[in-house]
């Protein structure tokens, strides 16, 4: 065997092993590539599924109530005394004492405070002196006129002289009457030094104290001394929208509630109405009387009055948490059986607090989304759980 044959025989296994190694490496690379592609495909499908799942918007739906006529109208108001008065001084001076403080029950004519007015006292003394002086002059003029009438009867004086004496007597009578009227005026003014209650009620405010300078009247520098309110019954003013004005009837019962007394209701009745719509607010002013024999209700309290009138029969009522406010107006997200969303433009009616009337745009057959996201748009697809009972 030649050397070349021996050399070929020696290199043949090496080449064979190299080819096998190369094929094995290629196979490993192919298997790795297939594995990478399979893994990427799996992750891509998982990501697509996750994206699809997360893209689904899960919503809660409700149904509107049919007909606003099923909901009585509740309106806010403030309780007031059936009679309320602010007491001012009629005489100027200094306050010497007060006899009643806030919360005290008072009777008509009962003393509330006393004022000292030295100027009025001095004016009264002067007027009384003037009255005495004019009374003396009037007596002298009468005596003179009587004497001259006797002399005239004897034709001892002329008629002209008698007429002059009679005129002097009448002038003295007028002077006396004027002086008496001035005395009466000053005595009445002095009587105003005692400030009294104008009617039976409760003292709700005291604005002065001993030593304060009091100015007469309620204009300019005049100062209110007291406020008095008659608290049984109380009155309440509410403003009924024009759409319900025709349903308000004098004598209808009204339920009054306070937020701080949950579950408690106080009964009143409609006493009178303005019988005219305010052109500015388009509302009817209504006065409600609420009996308060035990004083449980306080004047000035904020209350909610429920009137026995019904809403628009053509309207539907929805909870306020279904509303979307967009630049082109309020909307409600309506969803169909396939989960497609439609943003319906609506016209709002009366606001009842937790619910609101919708006059147009939706009806009782629609399913509407509760607490819709601001990003919700027409055509969005949402997941539809079972509709909750209407609110």
Protein backbone atom coordinates (compact mmCIF):
# COMPACT_ATOMS: atom_id res chain seq x y z
CA UNK A 1 0.00 0.00 0.00
CA UNK A 2 1.40 3.31 -1.02
CA UNK A 3 1.91 6.27 1.28
CA UNK A 4 -0.90 8.22 -0.39
CA UNK A 5 -3.38 5.42 0.20
CA UNK A 6 -2.40 5.23 3.82
CA UNK A 7 -2.84 9.02 4.18
CA UNK A 8 -6.36 8.94 2.60
CA UNK A 9 -7.35 6.11 4.89
CA UNK A 10 -6.22 8.14 7.91
CA UNK A 11 -8.08 11.37 7.00
CA UNK A 12 -11.39 9.75 6.01
CA UNK A 13 -12.71 9.24 9.57
CA UNK A 14 -11.76 12.81 10.48
CA UNK A 15 -13.73 14.22 7.57
CA UNK A 16 -16.62 11.95 8.39
CA UNK A 17 -16.62 13.14 12.00
CA UNK A 18 -16.44 16.79 10.90
CA UNK A 19 -19.42 16.36 8.61
CA UNK A 20 -21.38 14.71 11.41
CA UNK A 21 -20.51 17.50 13.80
CA UNK A 22 -21.52 20.11 11.25
CA UNK A 23 -24.84 18.37 10.63
CA UNK A 24 -25.44 18.10 14.36
CA UNK A 25 -24.70 21.81 14.83
CA UNK A 26 -27.06 22.72 12.03
CA UNK A 27 -29.77 20.50 13.53
CA UNK A 28 -29.28 22.13 16.94
CA UNK A 29 -29.53 25.60 15.40
CA UNK A 30 -32.66 24.60 13.51
CA UNK A 31 -34.23 23.16 16.64
CA UNK A 32 -33.32 26.35 18.58
CA UNK A 33 -34.78 28.55 15.85
CA UNK A 34 -37.99 26.52 15.80
CA UNK A 35 -38.18 26.73 19.61
CA UNK A 36 -37.69 30.52 19.53
CA UNK A 37 -40.35 30.92 16.87
CA UNK A 38 -42.76 28.69 18.76
CA UNK A 39 -42.09 30.60 21.99
CA UNK A 40 -42.55 33.96 20.31
CA UNK A 41 -45.77 32.78 18.73
CA UNK A 42 -47.04 31.55 22.10
CA UNK A 43 -46.18 34.85 23.79
CA UNK A 44 -47.72 36.80 20.94
CA UNK A 45 -50.97 34.88 21.29
CA UNK A 46 -50.88 35.29 25.08
CA UNK A 47 -50.27 39.03 24.71
CA UNK A 48 -53.08 39.30 22.18
CA UNK A 49 -55.44 37.43 24.49
CA UNK A 50 -54.42 39.57 27.48
CA UNK A 51 -54.84 42.75 25.46
CA UNK A 52 -58.26 41.60 24.33
CA UNK A 53 -59.25 40.77 27.90
CA UNK A 54 -57.99 44.09 29.26
CA UNK A 55 -59.62 46.01 26.43
CA UNK A 56 -63.04 44.80 27.55
CA UNK A 57 -64.80 47.45 29.67
CA UNK A 58 -66.86 45.93 32.44
CA UNK A 59 -69.83 48.11 33.32
CA UNK A 60 -72.84 48.10 35.60
CA UNK A 61 -76.16 49.02 34.06
CA UNK A 62 -79.50 50.19 35.38
CA UNK A 63 -82.88 51.04 33.94
CA UNK A 64 -84.65 54.40 34.19
CA UNK A 65 -87.92 54.72 36.04
CA UNK A 66 -90.85 55.22 33.73
CA UNK A 67 -92.66 58.51 34.21
CA UNK A 68 -91.50 61.30 36.49
CA UNK A 69 -95.03 61.47 37.84
CA UNK A 70 -94.16 58.79 40.37
CA UNK A 71 -91.78 61.07 42.27
CA UNK A 72 -93.06 63.91 44.51
CA UNK A 73 -91.17 67.17 44.20
CA UNK A 74 -88.82 68.06 47.07
CA UNK A 75 -87.61 71.64 47.37
CA UNK A 76 -85.28 73.40 49.84
CA UNK A 77 -86.28 76.25 52.12
CA UNK A 78 -85.57 78.05 55.40
CA UNK A 79 -87.92 78.10 58.38
CA UNK A 80 -89.01 81.51 59.66
CA UNK A 81 -91.22 82.70 62.46
CA UNK A 82 -94.79 83.34 61.31
CA UNK A 83 -94.19 86.86 62.62
CA UNK A 84 -90.69 88.29 62.92
CA UNK A 85 -89.88 91.81 64.02
CA UNK A 86 -86.76 93.86 64.61
CA UNK A 87 -87.24 96.23 67.55
CA UNK A 88 -85.75 99.73 67.29
CA UNK A 89 -85.77 102.59 69.77
CA UNK A 90 -88.15 105.49 69.23
CA UNK A 91 -86.25 107.67 71.69
CA UNK A 92 -82.54 108.51 71.68
CA UNK A 93 -80.48 108.12 74.86
CA UNK A 94 -78.44 105.66 76.89
CA UNK A 95 -79.54 102.11 77.74
CA UNK A 96 -79.89 101.82 81.51
CA UNK A 97 -80.97 98.16 81.67
CA UNK A 98 -82.37 95.24 79.71
CA UNK A 99 -84.72 92.64 81.15
CA UNK A 100 -84.81 89.83 78.55
CA UNK A 101 -82.03 87.91 76.80
CA UNK A 102 -81.95 85.61 73.78
CA UNK A 103 -84.19 82.56 73.99
CA UNK A 104 -86.57 84.18 76.47
CA UNK A 105 -90.31 83.90 75.88
CA UNK A 106 -92.01 87.29 75.95
CA UNK A 107 -95.58 88.54 76.02
CA UNK A 108 -96.96 91.45 74.07
CA UNK A 109 -96.21 94.71 75.94
CA UNK A 110 -93.65 93.10 78.26
CA UNK A 111 -90.68 95.34 79.12
CA UNK A 112 -87.49 94.52 77.24
CA UNK A 113 -85.24 97.47 78.08
CA UNK A 114 -85.18 101.01 79.45
CA UNK A 115 -83.51 104.09 77.99
CA UNK A 116 -82.69 107.32 79.75
CA UNK A 117 -83.08 110.47 77.64
CA UNK A 118 -82.22 113.61 79.69
CA UNK A 119 -82.83 115.91 76.73
CA UNK A 120 -86.41 114.71 76.38
CA UNK A 121 -86.98 115.10 80.13
CA UNK A 122 -85.77 118.70 80.01
CA UNK A 123 -87.86 119.44 76.96
CA UNK A 124 -90.90 118.06 78.77
CA UNK A 125 -90.26 120.28 81.81
CA UNK A 126 -89.95 123.29 79.51
CA UNK A 127 -93.12 122.37 77.63
CA UNK A 128 -95.06 121.96 80.86
CA UNK A 129 -93.89 125.41 81.98
CA UNK A 130 -94.93 126.87 78.63
CA UNK A 131 -98.34 125.20 79.00
CA UNK A 132 -98.79 126.78 82.44
CA UNK A 133 -97.79 130.15 81.03
CA UNK A 134 -100.21 129.93 78.10
CA UNK A 135 -102.96 128.69 80.42
CA UNK A 136 -102.52 131.81 82.56
CA UNK A 137 -102.57 134.04 79.48
CA UNK A 138 -105.69 132.27 78.24
CA UNK A 139 -107.44 132.80 81.59
CA UNK A 140 -106.58 136.52 81.55
CA UNK A 141 -107.75 136.88 77.95
CA UNK A 142 -111.05 135.16 78.81
CA UNK A 143 -111.64 137.42 81.79
CA UNK A 144 -110.86 140.50 79.69
CA UNK A 145 -113.17 139.39 76.90
CA UNK A 146 -116.00 138.76 79.37
CA UNK A 147 -115.63 142.26 80.89
CA UNK A 148 -115.57 143.91 77.51
CA UNK A 149 -118.69 142.03 76.49
CA UNK A 150 -120.44 143.48 79.57
CA UNK A 151 -119.21 146.97 78.70
CA UNK A 152 -120.37 146.53 75.12
CA UNK A 153 -123.81 145.59 76.34
CA UNK A 154 -123.91 149.00 78.09
CA UNK A 155 -122.51 150.62 74.92
CA UNK A 156 -119.48 151.77 76.92
CA UNK A 157 -116.96 150.46 74.35
CA UNK A 158 -116.99 150.13 70.63
CA UNK A 159 -117.57 146.87 68.78
CA UNK A 160 -114.04 147.13 67.43
CA UNK A 161 -112.60 147.11 70.94
CA UNK A 162 -114.69 144.05 71.83
CA UNK A 163 -113.63 142.20 68.68
CA UNK A 164 -109.98 142.83 69.52
CA UNK A 165 -110.43 141.35 73.01
CA UNK A 166 -112.32 138.33 71.65
CA UNK A 167 -109.57 137.74 69.07
CA UNK A 168 -106.92 137.93 71.78
CA UNK A 169 -108.88 135.35 73.77
CA UNK A 170 -109.10 132.94 70.82
CA UNK A 171 -105.37 133.35 70.16
CA UNK A 172 -104.64 132.56 73.80
CA UNK A 173 -106.81 129.43 73.50
CA UNK A 174 -104.84 128.35 70.42
CA UNK A 175 -101.52 128.98 72.18
CA UNK A 176 -102.69 126.88 75.12
CA UNK A 177 -103.80 124.06 72.82
CA UNK A 178 -100.44 124.12 71.00
CA UNK A 179 -98.55 124.01 74.30
CA UNK A 180 -100.74 121.11 75.52
CA UNK A 181 -100.10 119.22 72.30
CA UNK A 182 -96.35 119.69 72.71
CA UNK A 183 -96.53 118.38 76.27
CA UNK A 184 -98.51 115.36 75.09
CA UNK A 185 -95.94 114.69 72.35
CA UNK A 186 -93.01 114.84 74.74
CA UNK A 187 -94.79 112.63 77.28
CA UNK A 188 -95.40 110.05 74.54
CA UNK A 189 -91.77 110.34 73.51
CA UNK A 190 -90.73 109.87 77.11
CA UNK A 191 -92.91 106.75 77.19
CA UNK A 192 -90.77 105.32 74.40
CA UNK A 193 -87.91 105.13 76.90
CA UNK A 194 -89.47 101.81 77.82
CA UNK A 195 -88.91 99.30 74.97
CA UNK A 196 -91.60 96.61 74.97
CA UNK A 197 -92.33 93.41 73.03
CA UNK A 198 -94.59 93.99 69.99
CA UNK A 199 -96.22 90.53 70.25
CA UNK A 200 -95.99 87.17 72.01
CA UNK A 201 -92.90 85.27 70.89
CA UNK A 202 -89.27 84.40 71.52
CA UNK A 203 -86.39 86.85 71.74
CA UNK A 204 -83.96 85.69 69.04
CA UNK A 205 -81.40 88.50 69.19
CA UNK A 206 -80.11 91.16 71.60
CA UNK A 207 -77.71 93.67 70.06
CA UNK A 208 -77.19 96.16 72.90
CA UNK A 209 -75.91 96.29 76.44
CA UNK A 210 -76.08 98.66 79.40
CA UNK A 211 -74.46 102.02 78.65
CA UNK A 212 -74.83 101.85 74.88
CA UNK A 213 -75.83 105.07 73.16
CA UNK A 214 -79.13 104.43 71.41
CA UNK A 215 -80.20 106.36 68.31
CA UNK A 216 -83.88 106.57 67.53
CA UNK A 217 -85.27 105.03 64.32
CA UNK A 218 -84.01 102.41 61.89
CA UNK A 219 -82.35 104.70 59.37
CA UNK A 220 -78.87 106.19 59.29
CA UNK A 221 -77.15 105.47 62.60
CA UNK A 222 -80.21 103.72 64.05
CA UNK A 223 -79.37 100.46 65.79
CA UNK A 224 -81.64 97.45 66.20
CA UNK A 225 -82.09 96.58 69.86
CA UNK A 226 -83.83 93.20 69.71
CA UNK A 227 -85.33 90.68 67.30
CA UNK A 228 -88.53 88.87 68.25
CA UNK A 229 -90.08 85.90 66.45
CA UNK A 230 -93.36 84.04 66.89
CA UNK A 231 -92.33 80.40 66.40
CA UNK A 232 -95.65 78.57 66.51
CA UNK A 233 -96.46 78.08 63.76
CA UNK A 234 -93.41 78.52 61.56
CA UNK A 235 -93.54 79.55 57.93
CA UNK A 236 -91.48 78.30 55.04
CA UNK A 237 -91.10 79.72 51.54
CA UNK A 238 -90.28 77.46 48.60
CA UNK A 239 -90.09 78.26 44.91
CA UNK A 240 -91.92 75.79 42.69
CA UNK A 241 -90.82 75.51 39.02
CA UNK A 242 -93.35 76.80 36.52
CA UNK A 243 -94.00 73.31 35.11
CA UNK A 244 -95.53 72.26 38.46
CA UNK A 245 -97.16 75.57 39.42
CA UNK A 246 -100.62 74.55 38.24
CA UNK A 247 -100.60 71.57 40.64
CA UNK A 248 -100.05 73.66 43.79
CA UNK A 249 -103.24 73.96 45.85
CA UNK A 250 -103.79 75.96 49.03
CA UNK A 251 -104.43 73.57 51.93
CA UNK A 252 -102.42 70.64 50.49
CA UNK A 253 -100.37 68.73 53.06
CA UNK A 254 -96.59 69.12 52.92
CA UNK A 255 -93.90 66.95 54.55
CA UNK A 256 -90.89 68.78 56.02
CA UNK A 257 -87.61 67.05 56.90
CA UNK A 258 -84.26 68.10 58.38
CA UNK A 259 -81.00 66.47 57.30
CA UNK A 260 -79.80 66.14 60.90
CA UNK A 261 -82.99 64.29 61.92
CA UNK A 262 -83.07 61.40 59.51
CA UNK A 263 -86.39 59.60 59.42
CA UNK A 264 -88.33 62.35 61.19
CA UNK A 265 -91.05 64.14 59.26
CA UNK A 266 -93.00 67.24 60.24
CA UNK A 267 -96.34 67.96 58.66
CA UNK A 268 -97.37 71.35 57.34
CA UNK A 269 -99.76 72.74 54.78
CA UNK A 270 -99.71 75.25 51.93
CA UNK A 271 -101.03 78.55 53.31
CA UNK A 272 -100.90 80.70 50.19
CA UNK A 273 -99.13 81.23 46.89
CA UNK A 274 -97.96 84.33 45.03
CA UNK A 275 -100.43 83.48 42.23
CA UNK A 276 -97.83 84.76 39.76
CA UNK A 277 -94.72 83.35 38.13
CA UNK A 278 -91.49 85.23 38.77
CA UNK A 279 -90.28 86.20 35.27
CA UNK A 280 -86.64 86.03 36.38
CA UNK A 281 -86.59 82.54 37.93
CA UNK A 282 -89.76 81.11 36.32
CA UNK A 283 -90.90 79.88 39.72
CA UNK A 284 -93.99 80.27 41.90
CA UNK A 285 -93.45 81.43 45.48
CA UNK A 286 -95.34 79.22 47.94
CA UNK A 287 -95.79 79.80 51.69
CA UNK A 288 -96.04 76.71 53.90
CA UNK A 289 -97.17 76.80 57.55
CA UNK A 290 -95.64 74.22 59.89
CA UNK A 291 -97.13 73.79 63.41
CA UNK A 292 -94.48 73.90 66.13
CA UNK A 293 -96.28 73.58 69.49
CA UNK A 294 -93.34 71.93 71.29
CA UNK A 295 -90.63 74.15 69.78
CA UNK A 296 -88.85 71.19 68.17
CA UNK A 297 -88.22 73.19 65.01
CA UNK A 298 -85.98 76.25 65.12
CA UNK A 299 -86.45 79.44 63.16
CA UNK A 300 -83.73 79.77 60.53
CA UNK A 301 -83.26 76.01 60.05
CA UNK A 302 -82.62 74.66 56.53
CA UNK A 303 -85.20 72.03 55.56
CA UNK A 304 -86.45 69.99 52.61
CA UNK A 305 -90.17 70.30 51.84
CA UNK A 306 -91.87 67.52 49.88
CA UNK A 307 -94.92 68.82 48.02
CA UNK A 308 -97.81 66.58 46.88
CA UNK A 309 -97.24 67.33 43.21
CA UNK A 310 -96.00 65.02 40.51
CA UNK A 311 -93.33 65.39 37.90
CA UNK A 312 -93.72 65.45 34.12
CA UNK A 313 -95.54 62.27 33.07
CA UNK A 314 -93.50 62.13 29.85
CA UNK A 315 -90.19 62.24 31.70
CA UNK A 316 -88.06 59.42 33.02
CA UNK A 317 -86.05 59.50 36.22
CA UNK A 318 -82.42 58.34 36.37
CA UNK A 319 -79.78 58.43 39.11
CA UNK A 320 -77.38 61.35 38.86
CA UNK A 321 -74.35 59.03 38.60
CA UNK A 322 -75.24 58.04 35.03
CA UNK A 323 -74.75 61.53 33.60
CA UNK A 324 -71.89 62.48 31.30
CA UNK A 325 -71.22 66.17 30.74
CA UNK A 326 -69.66 66.89 27.38
CA UNK A 327 -69.01 70.20 25.56
CA UNK A 328 -72.11 69.64 23.41
CA UNK A 329 -74.37 69.05 26.42
CA UNK A 330 -75.32 66.32 28.92
CA UNK A 331 -75.39 62.73 27.72
CA UNK A 332 -76.22 59.25 28.95
CA UNK A 333 -74.38 56.09 27.84
CA UNK A 334 -76.97 53.63 26.49
CA UNK A 335 -75.86 50.05 25.77
CA UNK A 336 -77.61 47.52 23.52
CA UNK A 337 -77.83 43.74 23.84
CA UNK A 338 -74.54 43.24 21.96
CA UNK A 339 -72.62 45.52 24.28
CA UNK A 340 -72.32 48.45 21.88
CA UNK A 341 -72.40 51.89 23.48
CA UNK A 342 -74.40 54.86 22.21
CA UNK A 343 -74.02 58.29 23.83
CA UNK A 344 -77.54 59.73 23.87
CA UNK A 345 -78.01 63.52 24.09
CA UNK A 346 -80.60 64.31 26.75
CA UNK A 347 -82.67 67.21 28.10
CA UNK A 348 -82.69 67.46 31.88
CA UNK A 349 -85.71 68.31 34.02
CA UNK A 350 -86.03 68.70 37.78
CA UNK A 351 -83.07 67.73 39.95
CA UNK A 352 -84.24 65.63 42.94
CA UNK A 353 -80.79 65.39 44.52
CA UNK A 354 -79.82 61.74 44.01
CA UNK A 355 -81.98 61.47 40.90
CA UNK A 356 -82.88 63.75 38.01
CA UNK A 357 -85.65 63.94 35.44
CA UNK A 358 -84.76 63.32 31.80
CA UNK A 359 -87.33 64.92 29.53
CA UNK A 360 -85.99 63.45 26.27
CA UNK A 361 -83.22 61.24 24.91
CA UNK A 362 -83.86 57.99 26.82
CA UNK A 363 -86.86 55.98 27.94
CA UNK A 364 -87.65 53.21 30.40
CA UNK A 365 -86.69 50.47 27.91
CA UNK A 366 -83.03 51.57 27.70
CA UNK A 367 -80.17 50.08 29.66
CA UNK A 368 -77.84 52.84 30.84
CA UNK A 369 -74.32 52.63 32.26
CA UNK A 370 -73.76 53.60 35.89
CA UNK A 371 -70.62 55.65 36.62
CA UNK A 372 -69.48 55.75 32.97
CA UNK A 373 -65.81 56.48 32.28
CA UNK A 374 -65.00 59.89 30.79
CA UNK A 375 -63.17 58.10 27.96
CA UNK A 376 -66.31 56.25 26.87
CA UNK A 377 -67.20 56.93 23.22
CA UNK A 378 -69.84 55.97 20.66
CA UNK A 379 -69.33 52.44 19.35
CA UNK A 380 -67.26 51.16 22.28
CA UNK A 381 -67.91 47.55 23.24
CA UNK A 382 -68.52 46.76 26.90
CA UNK A 383 -69.17 43.65 28.91
CA UNK A 384 -72.78 43.43 30.04
CA UNK A 385 -73.51 41.87 33.42
CA UNK A 386 -77.10 41.53 34.50
CA UNK A 387 -78.82 44.87 34.92
CA UNK A 388 -79.22 46.06 38.48
CA UNK A 389 -82.63 47.24 39.70
CA UNK A 390 -83.50 50.76 38.64
CA UNK A 391 -82.56 53.54 41.01
